[in-house]
Amino acid sequence: MREYITLPNLVTSGSLTAGFLSMLLIFDNDILAAAGLIALAAIFDVIDGPIARRKGTDDAFGTNLDSLADLISFGAAPAFALYVGSLHNLPVVGLAACLGFFLCGAWRLARFSLCKNPLYFVGCPIPFAGVLVAILAGLRPYPFLALPVIFALSALMVGTLPFPTLSGWRNFKELCHSVVQDRQRAN
């Protein structure tokens, strides 16, 4: 295992740790602090990839570790936070909505490596969806306000709507051309 102890993998482990600790805070009903840790996980998630590419250590182990960290920090933890913070008032529907979000996030992550384009993601990235759900959970909304949000984000994660990467935003014209070409190939 020693060869896998690299700076990028340690940063990814920071994201995983923040997600795990956020779940402990959710058990204590401290949803706002848990949302803060999920936001911290997002910061780690943003920087681990560029560090790996800069150091030339982007490998299958780091990629898999990142997906596991994303599933915990942006799938399980936010879904659990929203359930405890709001949707527990609708036990069956709330549980189904949170479980659906978690599963859609897992499916999104499983599809990620199959649909790579440097200009856009296919479907909403789970870190973005997870942070939004964590913020929503921290606000403790009325359950009937939370349900449409979690349903929409779940659908966006498994949908095929393109979401631009940072490179895509910088090269917007190329992004549009790439999306059109990929759609034509799919048909």
C-alpha atoms as a PDB file:
ATOM      1  CA  MET A   1       0.000   0.000   0.000  1.00  0.00           C
ATOM      2  CA  ARG A   2       2.984   2.295   0.468  1.00  0.00           C
ATOM      3  CA  GLU A   3       3.076   3.183  -3.248  1.00  0.00           C
ATOM      4  CA  TYR A   4      -0.449   4.618  -3.002  1.00  0.00           C
ATOM      5  CA  ILE A   5       0.443   7.080  -0.262  1.00  0.00           C
ATOM      6  CA  THR A   6       0.714  10.176  -2.430  1.00  0.00           C
ATOM      7  CA  LEU A   7      -0.312  13.774  -1.881  1.00  0.00           C
ATOM      8  CA  PRO A   8      -3.342  13.538  -4.220  1.00  0.00           C
ATOM      9  CA  ASN A   9      -4.568  10.350  -2.493  1.00  0.00           C
ATOM     10  CA  LEU A  10      -4.122  11.989   0.915  1.00  0.00           C
ATOM     11  CA  VAL A  11      -6.181  14.979  -0.274  1.00  0.00           C
ATOM     12  CA  THR A  12      -8.860  12.585  -1.563  1.00  0.00           C
ATOM     13  CA  SER A  13      -8.744  10.833   1.814  1.00  0.00           C
ATOM     14  CA  GLY A  14      -9.391  14.254   3.373  1.00  0.00           C
ATOM     15  CA  SER A  15     -12.602  14.437   1.346  1.00  0.00           C
ATOM     16  CA  LEU A  16     -13.561  10.936   2.463  1.00  0.00           C
ATOM     17  CA  THR A  17     -12.803  11.828   6.082  1.00  0.00           C
ATOM     18  CA  ALA A  18     -14.896  14.996   5.894  1.00  0.00           C
ATOM     19  CA  GLY A  19     -17.813  12.978   4.515  1.00  0.00           C
ATOM     20  CA  PHE A  20     -17.538  10.380   7.266  1.00  0.00           C
ATOM     21  CA  LEU A  21     -17.268  13.002  10.007  1.00  0.00           C
ATOM     22  CA  SER A  22     -20.266  14.834   8.579  1.00  0.00           C
ATOM     23  CA  MET A  23     -22.331  11.662   9.063  1.00  0.00           C
ATOM     24  CA  LEU A  24     -21.276  11.534  12.711  1.00  0.00           C
ATOM     25  CA  LEU A  25     -22.473  15.120  13.117  1.00  0.00           C
ATOM     26  CA  ILE A  26     -25.764  14.215  11.447  1.00  0.00           C
ATOM     27  CA  PHE A  27     -26.260  11.520  14.106  1.00  0.00           C
ATOM     28  CA  ASP A  28     -25.941  14.329  16.664  1.00  0.00           C
ATOM     29  CA  ASN A  29     -28.485  16.366  14.654  1.00  0.00           C
ATOM     30  CA  ASP A  30     -25.874  19.047  13.866  1.00  0.00           C
ATOM     31  CA  ILE A  31     -26.898  19.364  10.221  1.00  0.00           C
ATOM     32  CA  LEU A  32     -25.332  22.785   9.693  1.00  0.00           C
ATOM     33  CA  ALA A  33     -21.866  21.632  10.814  1.00  0.00           C
ATOM     34  CA  ALA A  34     -22.288  18.488   8.707  1.00  0.00           C
ATOM     35  CA  ALA A  35     -23.067  20.673   5.676  1.00  0.00           C
ATOM     36  CA  GLY A  36     -19.879  22.603   6.401  1.00  0.00           C
ATOM     37  CA  LEU A  37     -17.856  19.395   6.326  1.00  0.00           C
ATOM     38  CA  ILE A  38     -19.488  18.404   3.044  1.00  0.00           C
ATOM     39  CA  ALA A  39     -18.418  21.797   1.657  1.00  0.00           C
ATOM     40  CA  LEU A  40     -14.886  21.089   2.928  1.00  0.00           C
ATOM     41  CA  ALA A  41     -15.011  17.729   1.127  1.00  0.00           C
ATOM     42  CA  ALA A  42     -15.877  19.644  -2.053  1.00  0.00           C
ATOM     43  CA  ILE A  43     -12.758  21.793  -1.659  1.00  0.00           C
ATOM     44  CA  PHE A  44     -10.631  18.664  -1.314  1.00  0.00           C
ATOM     45  CA  ASP A  45     -12.391  17.190  -4.347  1.00  0.00           C
ATOM     46  CA  VAL A  46     -11.626  20.256  -6.461  1.00  0.00           C
ATOM     47  CA  ILE A  47      -7.899  20.183  -5.700  1.00  0.00           C
ATOM     48  CA  ASP A  48      -7.042  16.452  -5.687  1.00  0.00           C
ATOM     49  CA  GLY A  49      -7.272  16.007  -9.470  1.00  0.00           C
ATOM     50  CA  PRO A  50      -5.074  18.975 -10.440  1.00  0.00           C
ATOM     51  CA  ILE A  51      -2.498  17.927  -7.839  1.00  0.00           C
ATOM     52  CA  ALA A  52      -2.459  14.384  -9.265  1.00  0.00           C
ATOM     53  CA  ARG A  53      -2.042  15.646 -12.838  1.00  0.00           C
ATOM     54  CA  ARG A  54       0.669  18.123 -11.838  1.00  0.00           C
ATOM     55  CA  LYS A  55       2.615  15.443  -9.957  1.00  0.00           C
ATOM     56  CA  GLY A  56       1.990  12.806 -12.648  1.00  0.00           C
ATOM     57  CA  THR A  57       0.367  10.462 -10.123  1.00  0.00           C
ATOM     58  CA  ASP A  58      -3.121  10.217 -11.628  1.00  0.00           C
ATOM     59  CA  ASP A  59      -3.736   6.481 -11.693  1.00  0.00           C
ATOM     60  CA  ALA A  60      -6.528   3.937 -11.394  1.00  0.00           C
ATOM     61  CA  PHE A  61      -6.151   3.704  -7.607  1.00  0.00           C
ATOM     62  CA  GLY A  62      -6.591   7.461  -7.171  1.00  0.00           C
ATOM     63  CA  THR A  63      -9.515   7.520  -9.596  1.00  0.00           C
ATOM     64  CA  ASN A  64     -11.292   4.715  -7.730  1.00  0.00           C
ATOM     65  CA  LEU A  65     -10.560   6.288  -4.343  1.00  0.00           C
ATOM     66  CA  ASP A  66     -12.000   9.574  -5.615  1.00  0.00           C
ATOM     67  CA  SER A  67     -15.226   7.866  -6.700  1.00  0.00           C
ATOM     68  CA  LEU A  68     -15.574   6.169  -3.302  1.00  0.00           C
ATOM     69  CA  ALA A  69     -14.966   9.473  -1.534  1.00  0.00           C
ATOM     70  CA  ASP A  70     -17.534  11.185  -3.770  1.00  0.00           C
ATOM     71  CA  LEU A  71     -20.147   8.531  -3.040  1.00  0.00           C
ATOM     72  CA  ILE A  72     -19.740   8.982   0.728  1.00  0.00           C
ATOM     73  CA  SER A  73     -19.208  12.759   0.851  1.00  0.00           C
ATOM     74  CA  PHE A  74     -21.669  13.845  -1.852  1.00  0.00           C
ATOM     75  CA  GLY A  75     -24.090  10.910  -2.001  1.00  0.00           C
ATOM     76  CA  ALA A  76     -24.579   9.231   1.381  1.00  0.00           C
ATOM     77  CA  ALA A  77     -23.853  12.166   3.702  1.00  0.00           C
ATOM     78  CA  PRO A  78     -26.072  14.795   1.990  1.00  0.00           C
ATOM     79  CA  ALA A  79     -28.933  12.305   1.525  1.00  0.00           C
ATOM     80  CA  PHE A  80     -28.723  11.322   5.181  1.00  0.00           C
ATOM     81  CA  ALA A  81     -28.533  14.986   6.241  1.00  0.00           C
ATOM     82  CA  LEU A  82     -31.650  15.870   4.262  1.00  0.00           C
ATOM     83  CA  TYR A  83     -33.509  12.885   5.672  1.00  0.00           C
ATOM     84  CA  VAL A  84     -32.633  13.767   9.271  1.00  0.00           C
ATOM     85  CA  GLY A  85     -33.057  17.506   8.740  1.00  0.00           C
ATOM     86  CA  SER A  86     -36.371  17.472   6.929  1.00  0.00           C
ATOM     87  CA  LEU A  87     -37.591  14.399   5.093  1.00  0.00           C
ATOM     88  CA  HIS A  88     -37.925  12.156   8.173  1.00  0.00           C
ATOM     89  CA  ASN A  89     -41.339  13.838   8.519  1.00  0.00           C
ATOM     90  CA  LEU A  90     -42.394  11.844   5.435  1.00  0.00           C
ATOM     91  CA  PRO A  91     -40.938   8.465   6.474  1.00  0.00           C
ATOM     92  CA  VAL A  92     -41.615   6.362   3.373  1.00  0.00           C
ATOM     93  CA  VAL A  93     -41.451   9.036   0.664  1.00  0.00           C
ATOM     94  CA  GLY A  94     -38.571  10.852   2.367  1.00  0.00           C
ATOM     95  CA  LEU A  95     -36.553   7.668   2.726  1.00  0.00           C
ATOM     96  CA  ALA A  96     -37.277   6.700  -0.889  1.00  0.00           C
ATOM     97  CA  ALA A  97     -36.220  10.150  -2.129  1.00  0.00           C
ATOM     98  CA  CYS A  98     -32.951  10.076  -0.175  1.00  0.00           C
ATOM     99  CA  LEU A  99     -32.188   6.505  -1.190  1.00  0.00           C
ATOM    100  CA  GLY A 100     -32.960   7.457  -4.798  1.00  0.00           C
ATOM    101  CA  PHE A 101     -30.521  10.374  -4.593  1.00  0.00           C
ATOM    102  CA  PHE A 102     -27.826   8.087  -3.185  1.00  0.00           C
ATOM    103  CA  LEU A 103     -28.379   5.435  -5.883  1.00  0.00           C
ATOM    104  CA  CYS A 104     -28.502   7.994  -8.701  1.00  0.00           C
ATOM    105  CA  GLY A 105     -25.197   9.362  -7.404  1.00  0.00           C
ATOM    106  CA  ALA A 106     -23.686   5.870  -7.449  1.00  0.00           C
ATOM    107  CA  TRP A 107     -24.908   5.291 -10.995  1.00  0.00           C
ATOM    108  CA  ARG A 108     -23.569   8.700 -12.031  1.00  0.00           C
ATOM    109  CA  LEU A 109     -20.153   7.803 -10.653  1.00  0.00           C
ATOM    110  CA  ALA A 110     -20.183   4.377 -12.319  1.00  0.00           C
ATOM    111  CA  ARG A 111     -20.968   6.002 -15.680  1.00  0.00           C
ATOM    112  CA  PHE A 112     -18.372   8.773 -15.234  1.00  0.00           C
ATOM    113  CA  SER A 113     -15.378   6.837 -16.561  1.00  0.00           C
ATOM    114  CA  LEU A 114     -17.422   5.542 -19.503  1.00  0.00           C
ATOM    115  CA  CYS A 115     -18.435   9.012 -20.752  1.00  0.00           C
ATOM    116  CA  LYS A 116     -15.316  11.151 -20.571  1.00  0.00           C
ATOM    117  CA  ASN A 117     -15.072  14.400 -22.476  1.00  0.00           C
ATOM    118  CA  PRO A 118     -12.642  17.125 -21.400  1.00  0.00           C
ATOM    119  CA  LEU A 119     -15.214  19.825 -22.146  1.00  0.00           C
ATOM    120  CA  TYR A 120     -18.304  18.535 -20.362  1.00  0.00           C
ATOM    121  CA  PHE A 121     -19.705  15.988 -17.944  1.00  0.00           C
ATOM    122  CA  VAL A 122     -22.630  13.782 -18.957  1.00  0.00           C
ATOM    123  CA  GLY A 123     -25.176  14.468 -16.233  1.00  0.00           C
ATOM    124  CA  CYS A 124     -24.835  16.649 -13.178  1.00  0.00           C
ATOM    125  CA  PRO A 125     -21.617  15.943 -11.245  1.00  0.00           C
ATOM    126  CA  ILE A 126     -22.322  14.394  -7.839  1.00  0.00           C
ATOM    127  CA  PRO A 127     -20.181  16.920  -5.909  1.00  0.00           C
ATOM    128  CA  PHE A 128     -22.344  19.772  -7.201  1.00  0.00           C
ATOM    129  CA  ALA A 129     -25.589  17.924  -6.446  1.00  0.00           C
ATOM    130  CA  GLY A 130     -24.325  16.788  -3.035  1.00  0.00           C
ATOM    131  CA  VAL A 131     -23.289  20.271  -1.928  1.00  0.00           C
ATOM    132  CA  LEU A 132     -26.696  21.646  -2.978  1.00  0.00           C
ATOM    133  CA  VAL A 133     -28.488  18.926  -1.005  1.00  0.00           C
ATOM    134  CA  ALA A 134     -26.235  19.590   2.014  1.00  0.00           C
ATOM    135  CA  ILE A 135     -27.056  23.309   1.891  1.00  0.00           C
ATOM    136  CA  LEU A 136     -30.741  22.469   1.572  1.00  0.00           C
ATOM    137  CA  ALA A 137     -30.483  20.097   4.540  1.00  0.00           C
ATOM    138  CA  GLY A 138     -28.836  22.840   6.615  1.00  0.00           C
ATOM    139  CA  LEU A 139     -31.830  25.088   5.913  1.00  0.00           C
ATOM    140  CA  ARG A 140     -34.196  22.368   7.177  1.00  0.00           C
ATOM    141  CA  PRO A 141     -36.930  23.165   4.655  1.00  0.00           C
ATOM    142  CA  TYR A 142     -40.508  22.030   4.772  1.00  0.00           C
ATOM    143  CA  PRO A 143     -40.486  18.464   3.321  1.00  0.00           C
ATOM    144  CA  PHE A 144     -42.676  19.341   0.349  1.00  0.00           C
ATOM    145  CA  LEU A 145     -40.120  21.984  -0.659  1.00  0.00           C
ATOM    146  CA  ALA A 146     -37.193  19.570  -0.318  1.00  0.00           C
ATOM    147  CA  LEU A 147     -38.741  16.730  -2.323  1.00  0.00           C
ATOM    148  CA  PRO A 148     -38.806  18.443  -5.752  1.00  0.00           C
ATOM    149  CA  VAL A 149     -35.203  19.568  -5.300  1.00  0.00           C
ATOM    150  CA  ILE A 150     -33.866  16.123  -4.432  1.00  0.00           C
ATOM    151  CA  PHE A 151     -35.938  14.509  -7.214  1.00  0.00           C
ATOM    152  CA  ALA A 152     -34.644  17.036  -9.764  1.00  0.00           C
ATOM    153  CA  LEU A 153     -31.009  16.647  -8.714  1.00  0.00           C
ATOM    154  CA  SER A 154     -31.333  12.850  -8.789  1.00  0.00           C
ATOM    155  CA  ALA A 155     -32.718  12.985 -12.324  1.00  0.00           C
ATOM    156  CA  LEU A 156     -30.014  15.439 -13.444  1.00  0.00           C
ATOM    157  CA  MET A 157     -27.245  13.138 -12.184  1.00  0.00           C
ATOM    158  CA  VAL A 158     -28.426  10.160 -14.242  1.00  0.00           C
ATOM    159  CA  GLY A 159     -29.638  12.248 -17.171  1.00  0.00           C
ATOM    160  CA  THR A 160     -27.604  13.052 -20.266  1.00  0.00           C
ATOM    161  CA  LEU A 161     -27.682  16.832 -20.051  1.00  0.00           C
ATOM    162  CA  PRO A 162     -24.126  18.120 -20.587  1.00  0.00           C
ATOM    163  CA  PHE A 163     -22.575  20.114 -17.721  1.00  0.00           C
ATOM    164  CA  PRO A 164     -19.485  22.104 -18.779  1.00  0.00           C
ATOM    165  CA  THR A 165     -16.114  21.451 -17.141  1.00  0.00           C
ATOM    166  CA  LEU A 166     -13.812  24.386 -16.394  1.00  0.00           C
ATOM    167  CA  SER A 167     -12.159  23.772 -19.782  1.00  0.00           C
ATOM    168  CA  GLY A 168     -15.599  23.743 -21.373  1.00  0.00           C
ATOM    169  CA  TRP A 169     -16.427  27.158 -19.941  1.00  0.00           C
ATOM    170  CA  ARG A 170     -13.103  28.529 -21.202  1.00  0.00           C
ATOM    171  CA  ASN A 171     -13.689  27.050 -24.683  1.00  0.00           C
ATOM    172  CA  PHE A 172     -17.445  27.544 -24.926  1.00  0.00           C
ATOM    173  CA  LYS A 173     -17.542  27.474 -28.735  1.00  0.00           C
ATOM    174  CA  GLU A 174     -15.598  24.188 -28.798  1.00  0.00           C
ATOM    175  CA  LEU A 175     -17.894  22.851 -26.042  1.00  0.00           C
ATOM    176  CA  CYS A 176     -21.007  23.505 -28.137  1.00  0.00           C
ATOM    177  CA  HIS A 177     -19.430  21.864 -31.176  1.00  0.00           C
ATOM    178  CA  SER A 178     -18.358  18.821 -29.122  1.00  0.00           C
ATOM    179  CA  VAL A 179     -21.832  18.364 -27.610  1.00  0.00           C
ATOM    180  CA  VAL A 180     -23.474  18.506 -31.046  1.00  0.00           C
ATOM    181  CA  GLN A 181     -20.985  15.987 -32.487  1.00  0.00           C
ATOM    182  CA  ASP A 182     -21.441  13.581 -29.573  1.00  0.00           C
ATOM    183  CA  ARG A 183     -25.249  13.803 -29.887  1.00  0.00           C
ATOM    184  CA  GLN A 184     -25.050  13.062 -33.612  1.00  0.00           C
ATOM    185  CA  ARG A 185     -22.834  10.020 -32.969  1.00  0.00           C
ATOM    186  CA  ALA A 186     -25.275   8.757 -30.338  1.00  0.00           C
ATOM    187  CA  ASN A 187     -28.182   8.903 -32.782  1.00  0.00           C
END
